[in-house]
C-alpha atoms as a PDB file:
ATOM      1  CA  MET A   1      -0.171  -0.186  -0.065  1.00  0.00           C
ATOM      2  CA  THR A   2       1.408   3.375  -1.023  1.00  0.00           C
ATOM      3  CA  ALA A   3      -0.435   6.740   0.182  1.00  0.00           C
ATOM      4  CA  LYS A   4       0.717  10.353   0.363  1.00  0.00           C
ATOM      5  CA  ARG A   5       1.405  10.869   4.011  1.00  0.00           C
ATOM      6  CA  LEU A   6      -0.525  13.969   5.506  1.00  0.00           C
ATOM      7  CA  ARG A   7       1.195  16.604   6.897  1.00  0.00           C
ATOM      8  CA  GLY A   8       0.800  20.206   7.934  1.00  0.00           C
ATOM      9  CA  VAL A   9      -2.007  22.777   8.570  1.00  0.00           C
ATOM     10  CA  ILE A  10      -4.966  20.570   8.427  1.00  0.00           C
ATOM     11  CA  ALA A  11      -8.389  22.148   8.922  1.00  0.00           C
ATOM     12  CA  ALA A  12     -11.011  19.949  11.079  1.00  0.00           C
ATOM     13  CA  ILE A  13     -13.588  21.571   8.264  1.00  0.00           C
ATOM     14  CA  ALA A  14     -17.149  22.482   9.365  1.00  0.00           C
ATOM     15  CA  THR A  15     -20.008  20.883   7.539  1.00  0.00           C
ATOM     16  CA  PRO A  16     -22.754  23.781   6.413  1.00  0.00           C
ATOM     17  CA  LEU A  17     -26.163  22.696   6.649  1.00  0.00           C
ATOM     18  CA  ALA A  18     -29.451  23.385   4.541  1.00  0.00           C
ATOM     19  CA  ASP A  19     -32.131  24.560   6.058  1.00  0.00           C
ATOM     20  CA  ASP A  20     -33.464  21.134   6.976  1.00  0.00           C
ATOM     21  CA  GLY A  21     -30.416  20.538   8.584  1.00  0.00           C
ATOM     22  CA  SER A  22     -29.052  18.216   6.084  1.00  0.00           C
ATOM     23  CA  PRO A  23     -25.712  18.698   4.802  1.00  0.00           C
ATOM     24  CA  ASP A  24     -25.087  21.717   2.376  1.00  0.00           C
ATOM     25  CA  LEU A  25     -23.328  19.834  -0.086  1.00  0.00           C
ATOM     26  CA  ALA A  26     -22.709  23.057  -2.399  1.00  0.00           C
ATOM     27  CA  LYS A  27     -20.935  25.243   0.372  1.00  0.00           C
ATOM     28  CA  ALA A  28     -19.601  22.380   2.126  1.00  0.00           C
ATOM     29  CA  THR A  29     -17.283  21.959  -0.877  1.00  0.00           C
ATOM     30  CA  LYS A  30     -16.852  25.382  -1.426  1.00  0.00           C
ATOM     31  CA  LEU A  31     -15.682  26.137   1.719  1.00  0.00           C
ATOM     32  CA  ALA A  32     -13.188  23.097   1.452  1.00  0.00           C
ATOM     33  CA  ARG A  33     -11.620  24.982  -1.692  1.00  0.00           C
ATOM     34  CA  PHE A  34     -11.500  27.996   0.145  1.00  0.00           C
ATOM     35  CA  LEU A  35      -9.427  26.439   2.758  1.00  0.00           C
ATOM     36  CA  LEU A  36      -7.192  24.132   0.709  1.00  0.00           C
ATOM     37  CA  ASP A  37      -6.482  27.673  -1.415  1.00  0.00           C
ATOM     38  CA  ASN A  38      -5.817  29.557   1.616  1.00  0.00           C
ATOM     39  CA  GLY A  39      -3.544  27.920   3.814  1.00  0.00           C
ATOM     40  CA  CYS A  40      -4.466  24.399   4.308  1.00  0.00           C
ATOM     41  CA  ASP A  41      -2.198  21.612   3.586  1.00  0.00           C
ATOM     42  CA  GLY A  42      -4.975  19.181   3.935  1.00  0.00           C
ATOM     43  CA  LEU A  43      -8.414  18.394   5.607  1.00  0.00           C
ATOM     44  CA  ASN A  44     -10.120  16.028   8.251  1.00  0.00           C
ATOM     45  CA  VAL A  45     -13.594  15.978   6.839  1.00  0.00           C
ATOM     46  CA  LEU A  46     -16.322  14.827   8.834  1.00  0.00           C
ATOM     47  CA  GLY A  47     -14.760  14.701  12.369  1.00  0.00           C
ATOM     48  CA  THR A  48     -16.152  16.703  15.210  1.00  0.00           C
ATOM     49  CA  THR A  49     -16.191  20.061  13.870  1.00  0.00           C
ATOM     50  CA  GLY A  50     -17.684  18.428  11.251  1.00  0.00           C
ATOM     51  CA  GLU A  51     -20.381  17.118  13.151  1.00  0.00           C
ATOM     52  CA  ALA A  52     -20.357  13.809  11.601  1.00  0.00           C
ATOM     53  CA  THR A  53     -21.885  11.607  14.478  1.00  0.00           C
ATOM     54  CA  SER A  54     -24.817  13.798  14.356  1.00  0.00           C
ATOM     55  CA  PHE A  55     -25.112  12.651  10.875  1.00  0.00           C
ATOM     56  CA  SER A  56     -26.825   9.536   9.184  1.00  0.00           C
ATOM     57  CA  LEU A  57     -24.828   7.158   7.467  1.00  0.00           C
ATOM     58  CA  ASP A  58     -26.272   7.997   4.195  1.00  0.00           C
ATOM     59  CA  GLU A  59     -25.835  11.404   5.036  1.00  0.00           C
ATOM     60  CA  ARG A  60     -21.937  10.974   5.806  1.00  0.00           C
ATOM     61  CA  LYS A  61     -21.519   9.074   2.350  1.00  0.00           C
ATOM     62  CA  ARG A  62     -22.989  11.611   0.512  1.00  0.00           C
ATOM     63  CA  VAL A  63     -20.764  14.697   2.059  1.00  0.00           C
ATOM     64  CA  MET A  64     -17.785  12.381   0.884  1.00  0.00           C
ATOM     65  CA  ASP A  65     -19.256  12.186  -2.609  1.00  0.00           C
ATOM     66  CA  ALA A  66     -19.616  15.671  -3.097  1.00  0.00           C
ATOM     67  CA  TYR A  67     -16.114  16.128  -2.344  1.00  0.00           C
ATOM     68  CA  ARG A  68     -15.335  14.172  -5.092  1.00  0.00           C
ATOM     69  CA  ASP A  69     -17.881  14.728  -7.641  1.00  0.00           C
ATOM     70  CA  ALA A  70     -16.489  18.529  -6.757  1.00  0.00           C
ATOM     71  CA  GLY A  71     -13.029  17.385  -8.055  1.00  0.00           C
ATOM     72  CA  LEU A  72     -11.329  18.159  -4.673  1.00  0.00           C
ATOM     73  CA  PRO A  73      -8.000  16.741  -3.981  1.00  0.00           C
ATOM     74  CA  LEU A  74      -8.950  13.720  -1.845  1.00  0.00           C
ATOM     75  CA  ASP A  75      -5.213  12.917  -1.387  1.00  0.00           C
ATOM     76  CA  ARG A  76      -5.161  15.783   0.657  1.00  0.00           C
ATOM     77  CA  MET A  77      -7.959  14.577   3.368  1.00  0.00           C
ATOM     78  CA  MET A  78      -8.879  12.411   6.214  1.00  0.00           C
ATOM     79  CA  VAL A  79     -12.311  11.440   6.427  1.00  0.00           C
ATOM     80  CA  GLY A  80     -13.890  10.519   9.711  1.00  0.00           C
ATOM     81  CA  THR A  81     -15.096   6.939   9.550  1.00  0.00           C
ATOM     82  CA  GLY A  82     -15.780   5.969  13.090  1.00  0.00           C
ATOM     83  CA  ALA A  83     -19.347   5.097  14.254  1.00  0.00           C
ATOM     84  CA  ALA A  84     -21.038   3.284  17.130  1.00  0.00           C
ATOM     85  CA  ALA A  85     -21.961   0.320  15.292  1.00  0.00           C
ATOM     86  CA  MET A  86     -19.678  -1.996  13.693  1.00  0.00           C
ATOM     87  CA  SER A  87     -20.943  -2.225  10.368  1.00  0.00           C
ATOM     88  CA  ASP A  88     -21.342   1.434   9.766  1.00  0.00           C
ATOM     89  CA  ALA A  89     -17.628   2.068  10.600  1.00  0.00           C
ATOM     90  CA  VAL A  90     -16.926  -0.393   8.059  1.00  0.00           C
ATOM     91  CA  ALA A  91     -19.325   1.016   5.583  1.00  0.00           C
ATOM     92  CA  LEU A  92     -18.089   4.486   6.089  1.00  0.00           C
ATOM     93  CA  THR A  93     -14.455   3.156   6.061  1.00  0.00           C
ATOM     94  CA  ARG A  94     -14.664   1.121   2.665  1.00  0.00           C
ATOM     95  CA  HIS A  95     -16.829   4.236   0.960  1.00  0.00           C
ATOM     96  CA  ALA A  96     -13.803   6.426   1.985  1.00  0.00           C
ATOM     97  CA  ALA A  97     -11.231   3.795   0.447  1.00  0.00           C
ATOM     98  CA  THR A  98     -13.203   3.483  -2.540  1.00  0.00           C
ATOM     99  CA  LEU A  99     -13.409   7.281  -3.524  1.00  0.00           C
ATOM    100  CA  GLY A 100      -9.473   7.836  -2.976  1.00  0.00           C
ATOM    101  CA  PHE A 101      -9.169   9.813   0.889  1.00  0.00           C
ATOM    102  CA  ALA A 102      -6.140   9.510   2.114  1.00  0.00           C
ATOM    103  CA  GLY A 103      -6.901   7.961   5.311  1.00  0.00           C
ATOM    104  CA  ALA A 104      -9.611   7.191   7.547  1.00  0.00           C
ATOM    105  CA  LEU A 105     -10.045   8.492  11.140  1.00  0.00           C
ATOM    106  CA  VAL A 106     -11.315   6.333  13.087  1.00  0.00           C
ATOM    107  CA  LEU A 107     -13.134   6.938  16.546  1.00  0.00           C
ATOM    108  CA  PRO A 108     -13.347   4.036  19.080  1.00  0.00           C
ATOM    109  CA  PRO A 109     -16.828   3.129  19.515  1.00  0.00           C
ATOM    110  CA  PHE A 110     -18.043   5.477  21.844  1.00  0.00           C
ATOM    111  CA  TYR A 111     -21.474   4.193  23.624  1.00  0.00           C
ATOM    112  CA  TYR A 112     -19.896   1.421  26.085  1.00  0.00           C
ATOM    113  CA  LYS A 113     -17.434   2.547  28.431  1.00  0.00           C
ATOM    114  CA  GLY A 114     -14.909   1.021  30.423  1.00  0.00           C
ATOM    115  CA  VAL A 115     -14.505  -1.842  27.470  1.00  0.00           C
ATOM    116  CA  PRO A 116     -11.264  -3.556  27.505  1.00  0.00           C
ATOM    117  CA  ASP A 117      -8.252  -3.438  25.409  1.00  0.00           C
ATOM    118  CA  ASP A 118      -9.439  -6.622  23.371  1.00  0.00           C
ATOM    119  CA  GLY A 119     -12.814  -4.894  22.471  1.00  0.00           C
ATOM    120  CA  LEU A 120     -11.327  -2.236  20.833  1.00  0.00           C
ATOM    121  CA  VAL A 121      -8.734  -4.127  19.026  1.00  0.00           C
ATOM    122  CA  ALA A 122     -11.727  -6.473  17.494  1.00  0.00           C
ATOM    123  CA  TYR A 123     -13.226  -2.881  16.271  1.00  0.00           C
ATOM    124  CA  ILE A 124     -10.270  -1.930  14.544  1.00  0.00           C
ATOM    125  CA  ASP A 125      -9.100  -6.073  13.375  1.00  0.00           C
ATOM    126  CA  THR A 126     -12.851  -6.095  12.152  1.00  0.00           C
ATOM    127  CA  ILE A 127     -11.925  -2.691   9.748  1.00  0.00           C
ATOM    128  CA  VAL A 128      -8.782  -3.480   8.645  1.00  0.00           C
ATOM    129  CA  ALA A 129      -9.904  -7.143   7.581  1.00  0.00           C
ATOM    130  CA  ALA A 130     -12.970  -5.946   5.742  1.00  0.00           C
ATOM    131  CA  VAL A 131     -11.260  -2.871   3.911  1.00  0.00           C
ATOM    132  CA  THR A 132      -8.422  -4.346   1.987  1.00  0.00           C
ATOM    133  CA  THR A 133      -9.252  -3.044  -1.466  1.00  0.00           C
ATOM    134  CA  PRO A 134      -7.811  -0.247  -1.623  1.00  0.00           C
ATOM    135  CA  ALA A 135      -6.118  -0.847   1.877  1.00  0.00           C
ATOM    136  CA  ILE A 136      -6.854   2.647   3.073  1.00  0.00           C
ATOM    137  CA  PRO A 137      -4.533   3.815   5.883  1.00  0.00           C
ATOM    138  CA  LEU A 138      -6.203   4.114   9.280  1.00  0.00           C
ATOM    139  CA  TYR A 139      -5.668   6.731  11.771  1.00  0.00           C
ATOM    140  CA  ARG A 140      -6.963   7.043  15.615  1.00  0.00           C
ATOM    141  CA  TYR A 141      -8.766   9.600  16.997  1.00  0.00           C
ATOM    142  CA  HIS A 142      -8.039  10.161  20.380  1.00  0.00           C
ATOM    143  CA  TYR A 143     -10.617  12.263  22.145  1.00  0.00           C
ATOM    144  CA  PRO A 144     -11.603  10.519  25.568  1.00  0.00           C
ATOM    145  CA  GLN A 145     -13.250  13.820  26.794  1.00  0.00           C
ATOM    146  CA  GLN A 146     -16.164  12.944  24.315  1.00  0.00           C
ATOM    147  CA  SER A 147     -15.957   9.201  23.316  1.00  0.00           C
ATOM    148  CA  GLY A 148     -14.783   8.309  26.994  1.00  0.00           C
ATOM    149  CA  LEU A 149     -12.624   5.565  25.636  1.00  0.00           C
ATOM    150  CA  HIS A 150      -8.812   5.854  25.179  1.00  0.00           C
ATOM    151  CA  TRP A 151      -6.537   4.906  22.355  1.00  0.00           C
ATOM    152  CA  HIS A 152      -3.455   4.702  25.387  1.00  0.00           C
ATOM    153  CA  VAL A 153      -0.056   4.231  23.950  1.00  0.00           C
ATOM    154  CA  ASP A 154       0.194   0.629  25.159  1.00  0.00           C
ATOM    155  CA  LEU A 155      -2.732  -0.287  22.641  1.00  0.00           C
ATOM    156  CA  VAL A 156      -1.686   2.007  20.329  1.00  0.00           C
ATOM    157  CA  LYS A 157       1.680  -0.092  20.055  1.00  0.00           C
ATOM    158  CA  ARG A 158      -0.637  -3.418  20.122  1.00  0.00           C
ATOM    159  CA  LEU A 159      -2.189  -2.339  17.335  1.00  0.00           C
ATOM    160  CA  LEU A 160       0.558  -0.936  15.253  1.00  0.00           C
ATOM    161  CA  ASP A 161       2.448  -4.586  15.620  1.00  0.00           C
ATOM    162  CA  ALA A 162      -0.991  -6.429  14.531  1.00  0.00           C
ATOM    163  CA  HIS A 163      -1.242  -3.892  11.608  1.00  0.00           C
ATOM    164  CA  LYS A 164       2.000  -2.731  10.075  1.00  0.00           C
ATOM    165  CA  GLY A 165       1.543  -0.510   7.331  1.00  0.00           C
ATOM    166  CA  ARG A 166      -2.135   0.293   7.864  1.00  0.00           C
ATOM    167  CA  ILE A 167      -2.260   2.231  11.272  1.00  0.00           C
ATOM    168  CA  VAL A 168      -0.189   5.115  10.072  1.00  0.00           C
ATOM    169  CA  GLY A 169      -1.471   7.972  12.702  1.00  0.00           C
ATOM    170  CA  LEU A 170      -3.280   9.634  15.259  1.00  0.00           C
ATOM    171  CA  LYS A 171      -5.107  12.660  15.915  1.00  0.00           C
ATOM    172  CA  ASP A 172      -4.960  13.769  19.531  1.00  0.00           C
ATOM    173  CA  SER A 173      -7.760  15.978  20.785  1.00  0.00           C
ATOM    174  CA  SER A 174      -7.189  15.236  24.289  1.00  0.00           C
ATOM    175  CA  GLY A 175      -4.908  18.368  25.109  1.00  0.00           C
ATOM    176  CA  ASP A 176      -2.609  15.946  27.186  1.00  0.00           C
ATOM    177  CA  MET A 177       1.021  17.165  25.383  1.00  0.00           C
ATOM    178  CA  ALA A 178       2.467  14.153  27.341  1.00  0.00           C
ATOM    179  CA  TYR A 179       0.502  11.543  25.777  1.00  0.00           C
ATOM    180  CA  ALA A 180       0.883  13.194  22.360  1.00  0.00           C
ATOM    181  CA  LYS A 181       4.817  13.210  22.629  1.00  0.00           C
ATOM    182  CA  ALA A 182       4.791   9.499  23.875  1.00  0.00           C
ATOM    183  CA  ALA A 183       2.708   8.484  21.120  1.00  0.00           C
ATOM    184  CA  ALA A 184       5.131  10.247  18.616  1.00  0.00           C
ATOM    185  CA  ALA A 185       7.727   8.678  20.088  1.00  0.00           C
ATOM    186  CA  ILE A 186       6.385   5.201  19.410  1.00  0.00           C
ATOM    187  CA  SER A 187       7.780   4.849  15.650  1.00  0.00           C
ATOM    188  CA  SER A 188       8.923   7.486  13.183  1.00  0.00           C
ATOM    189  CA  ASP A 189       6.257   5.820  10.499  1.00  0.00           C
ATOM    190  CA  PHE A 190       3.442   6.910  12.954  1.00  0.00           C
ATOM    191  CA  ASP A 191       2.120  10.377  12.533  1.00  0.00           C
ATOM    192  CA  VAL A 192       0.552  12.409  15.500  1.00  0.00           C
ATOM    193  CA  PHE A 193      -1.420  15.490  15.167  1.00  0.00           C
ATOM    194  CA  PRO A 194      -2.465  17.755  18.261  1.00  0.00           C
ATOM    195  CA  SER A 195      -5.481  19.790  17.796  1.00  0.00           C
ATOM    196  CA  THR A 196      -3.964  22.860  18.473  1.00  0.00           C
ATOM    197  CA  GLU A 197      -2.079  25.077  15.945  1.00  0.00           C
ATOM    198  CA  ALA A 198       0.040  26.183  18.934  1.00  0.00           C
ATOM    199  CA  VAL A 199       2.361  23.274  18.161  1.00  0.00           C
ATOM    200  CA  LEU A 200       3.404  24.118  14.898  1.00  0.00           C
ATOM    201  CA  LEU A 201       6.536  25.541  15.354  1.00  0.00           C
ATOM    202  CA  GLU A 202       7.520  22.299  17.381  1.00  0.00           C
ATOM    203  CA  ALA A 203       6.133  20.225  14.847  1.00  0.00           C
ATOM    204  CA  ARG A 204       8.798  22.065  12.221  1.00  0.00           C
ATOM    205  CA  SER A 205      11.438  20.063  14.513  1.00  0.00           C
ATOM    206  CA  GLY A 206       9.554  16.875  13.636  1.00  0.00           C
ATOM    207  CA  ALA A 207       7.948  16.363  16.863  1.00  0.00           C
ATOM    208  CA  PHE A 208       4.756  16.292  15.268  1.00  0.00           C
ATOM    209  CA  ALA A 209       3.424  15.722  11.846  1.00  0.00           C
ATOM    210  CA  GLY A 210       1.388  18.873  11.971  1.00  0.00           C
ATOM    211  CA  CYS A 211      -1.627  19.842  13.799  1.00  0.00           C
ATOM    212  CA  ILE A 212      -5.569  18.938  12.937  1.00  0.00           C
ATOM    213  CA  SER A 213      -7.425  21.814  14.285  1.00  0.00           C
ATOM    214  CA  ALA A 214     -10.982  23.554  14.566  1.00  0.00           C
ATOM    215  CA  THR A 215      -9.667  26.681  14.424  1.00  0.00           C
ATOM    216  CA  ALA A 216      -7.690  26.045  11.141  1.00  0.00           C
ATOM    217  CA  ASN A 217     -11.141  26.924   9.357  1.00  0.00           C
ATOM    218  CA  LEU A 218     -10.751  30.475  10.567  1.00  0.00           C
ATOM    219  CA  ASN A 219      -6.636  31.299  10.552  1.00  0.00           C
ATOM    220  CA  ALA A 220      -5.447  28.935   7.859  1.00  0.00           C
ATOM    221  CA  ASP A 221      -3.016  31.539   6.660  1.00  0.00           C
ATOM    222  CA  LEU A 222      -1.643  32.668   9.502  1.00  0.00           C
ATOM    223  CA  CYS A 223      -1.026  28.879  10.497  1.00  0.00           C
ATOM    224  CA  GLN A 224       0.542  28.199   7.257  1.00  0.00           C
ATOM    225  CA  ARG A 225       3.026  30.928   7.514  1.00  0.00           C
ATOM    226  CA  GLY A 226       3.955  29.650  11.304  1.00  0.00           C
ATOM    227  CA  TRP A 227       4.345  26.160   9.748  1.00  0.00           C
ATOM    228  CA  SER A 228       5.991  26.880   6.433  1.00  0.00           C
ATOM    229  CA  SER A 229       8.639  29.847   7.579  1.00  0.00           C
ATOM    230  CA  GLY A 230       8.516  29.615  11.237  1.00  0.00           C
ATOM    231  CA  ASP A 231       6.710  33.111  11.469  1.00  0.00           C
ATOM    232  CA  GLN A 232       6.095  33.493  15.385  1.00  0.00           C
ATOM    233  CA  ALA A 233       4.151  36.772  14.605  1.00  0.00           C
ATOM    234  CA  ALA A 234       1.787  35.077  12.678  1.00  0.00           C
ATOM    235  CA  LEU A 235       1.526  31.951  14.728  1.00  0.00           C
ATOM    236  CA  ASP A 236       0.907  34.310  17.687  1.00  0.00           C
ATOM    237  CA  ALA A 237      -2.244  35.798  15.848  1.00  0.00           C
ATOM    238  CA  ALA A 238      -3.435  32.124  15.064  1.00  0.00           C
ATOM    239  CA  VAL A 239      -3.130  31.011  18.635  1.00  0.00           C
ATOM    240  CA  SER A 240      -4.895  34.765  19.818  1.00  0.00           C
ATOM    241  CA  ILE A 241      -7.629  33.343  17.413  1.00  0.00           C
ATOM    242  CA  ARG A 242      -8.017  30.064  18.896  1.00  0.00           C
ATOM    243  CA  LYS A 243      -8.129  31.453  22.503  1.00  0.00           C
ATOM    244  CA  LEU A 244     -11.426  33.535  21.237  1.00  0.00           C
ATOM    245  CA  PHE A 245     -13.314  30.424  22.193  1.00  0.00           C
ATOM    246  CA  ASP A 246     -11.928  29.625  25.367  1.00  0.00           C
ATOM    247  CA  GLY A 247     -14.888  28.974  27.934  1.00  0.00           C
ATOM    248  CA  LYS A 248     -17.278  28.693  24.761  1.00  0.00           C
ATOM    249  CA  ALA A 249     -18.993  26.474  22.362  1.00  0.00           C
ATOM    250  CA  LEU A 250     -16.026  25.721  20.451  1.00  0.00           C
ATOM    251  CA  VAL A 251     -18.203  23.766  16.906  1.00  0.00           C
ATOM    252  CA  PRO A 252     -21.017  26.506  17.153  1.00  0.00           C
ATOM    253  CA  GLY A 253     -18.418  29.368  17.437  1.00  0.00           C
ATOM    254  CA  VAL A 254     -16.268  28.225  14.699  1.00  0.00           C
ATOM    255  CA  LYS A 255     -19.430  28.296  12.597  1.00  0.00           C
ATOM    256  CA  ALA A 256     -20.752  31.135  13.694  1.00  0.00           C
ATOM    257  CA  LEU A 257     -17.408  33.004  12.885  1.00  0.00           C
ATOM    258  CA  LEU A 258     -17.116  31.336   9.414  1.00  0.00           C
ATOM    259  CA  GLY A 259     -20.409  32.904   8.876  1.00  0.00           C
ATOM    260  CA  HIS A 260     -19.461  36.099   9.454  1.00  0.00           C
ATOM    261  CA  ILE A 261     -15.942  35.667   7.469  1.00  0.00           C
ATOM    262  CA  HIS A 262     -17.715  34.573   4.346  1.00  0.00           C
ATOM    263  CA  ARG A 263     -20.643  37.049   4.561  1.00  0.00           C
ATOM    264  CA  ASP A 264     -23.024  34.029   5.123  1.00  0.00           C
ATOM    265  CA  ALA A 265     -24.769  33.711   8.435  1.00  0.00           C
ATOM    266  CA  ALA A 266     -26.399  30.248   7.354  1.00  0.00           C
ATOM    267  CA  ILE A 267     -23.009  28.527   7.563  1.00  0.00           C
ATOM    268  CA  GLY A 268     -23.859  29.274  11.554  1.00  0.00           C
ATOM    269  CA  ARG A 269     -26.603  26.537  11.371  1.00  0.00           C
ATOM    270  CA  VAL A 270     -25.960  23.828  13.507  1.00  0.00           C
ATOM    271  CA  LYS A 271     -27.137  20.410  14.188  1.00  0.00           C
ATOM    272  CA  PRO A 272     -28.827  19.299  17.165  1.00  0.00           C
ATOM    273  CA  PRO A 273     -27.809  18.833  19.989  1.00  0.00           C
ATOM    274  CA  LEU A 274     -25.638  21.228  19.495  1.00  0.00           C
ATOM    275  CA  ALA A 275     -27.242  24.746  20.139  1.00  0.00           C
ATOM    276  CA  PRO A 276     -26.772  27.978  18.136  1.00  0.00           C
ATOM    277  CA  PHE A 277     -23.707  30.324  19.522  1.00  0.00           C
ATOM    278  CA  PRO A 278     -25.177  32.805  21.864  1.00  0.00           C
ATOM    279  CA  GLU A 279     -25.276  36.167  20.024  1.00  0.00           C
ATOM    280  CA  ALA A 280     -23.618  38.195  22.703  1.00  0.00           C
ATOM    281  CA  ASP A 281     -20.786  35.290  22.521  1.00  0.00           C
ATOM    282  CA  ARG A 282     -20.848  36.083  18.519  1.00  0.00           C
ATOM    283  CA  ALA A 283     -20.784  39.994  18.563  1.00  0.00           C
ATOM    284  CA  ALA A 284     -17.609  39.705  21.204  1.00  0.00           C
ATOM    285  CA  VAL A 285     -15.973  37.006  19.499  1.00  0.00           C
ATOM    286  CA  THR A 286     -16.550  38.591  15.450  1.00  0.00           C
ATOM    287  CA  ALA A 287     -15.474  41.915  16.936  1.00  0.00           C
ATOM    288  CA  GLU A 288     -11.973  40.615  18.155  1.00  0.00           C
ATOM    289  CA  TYR A 289     -11.708  38.422  15.389  1.00  0.00           C
ATOM    290  CA  ASP A 290     -11.615  41.877  12.806  1.00  0.00           C
ATOM    291  CA  ARG A 291      -9.332  43.702  15.326  1.00  0.00           C
ATOM    292  CA  ILE A 292      -6.704  41.042  15.358  1.00  0.00           C
ATOM    293  CA  ARG A 293      -7.385  40.587  11.202  1.00  0.00           C
ATOM    294  CA  GLY A 294      -6.515  44.348  11.339  1.00  0.00           C
ATOM    295  CA  ALA A 295     -10.420  44.616   9.720  1.00  0.00           C
END
């Protein structure tokens, strides 16, 4: 199996919604093109910021198809295929492989908590065995605050030993940098992406493969300057934009600010159980964003 290794600034891209709450495919692909043309090395499609677990199996497949049909470079994208139901995770991963995505980002099956490692291994074993033609690279998605389950380092090592060449990396949204560094130290062939752009200068030295960030929807140009040329001032500005959401609802906030940036308030729609970004927060965040950008 050969595949392009993803690197650098990767946005966990938001999924715009139509009036009926379904994915707005035209706006989704337009946003993807904008981000790829304005600083993103790649995209994480249908992750947490993309509200993937709030969509049906069919809706998730239609989003993937739309990216392909729009002629977007799928070799620059990983797509979330994890699901609570094993058959859904297999179907989504197989669909991503058939379309030609660079990788599948897999959450653990997140309903049952406290399951043994053997259960998580069986979940991954099943996906690997079921998706072989083509054999899409698999990334673990470590977000225990949401999933309630850990891809702990010993478990990652076990999976790497069992599936050499198929398990290629990990997105770490835990915020635990000691964990991220320990995971990255497992192997030079194992790519770890923390979920914050604040690590990009460290990543330039080889500590990480880059970042996969929700706020890269908003500051990808600044992130790219930090990643490609070590521009500290640009990265500081990018991190300042990220910090606008401290203590606030991140996904609704990112979508609300995207609506401001692209002059389309409809992009701010979120799917239940998420709730719209409060108006007071929206006003404060957009004003400060404009100040940082010198607007």
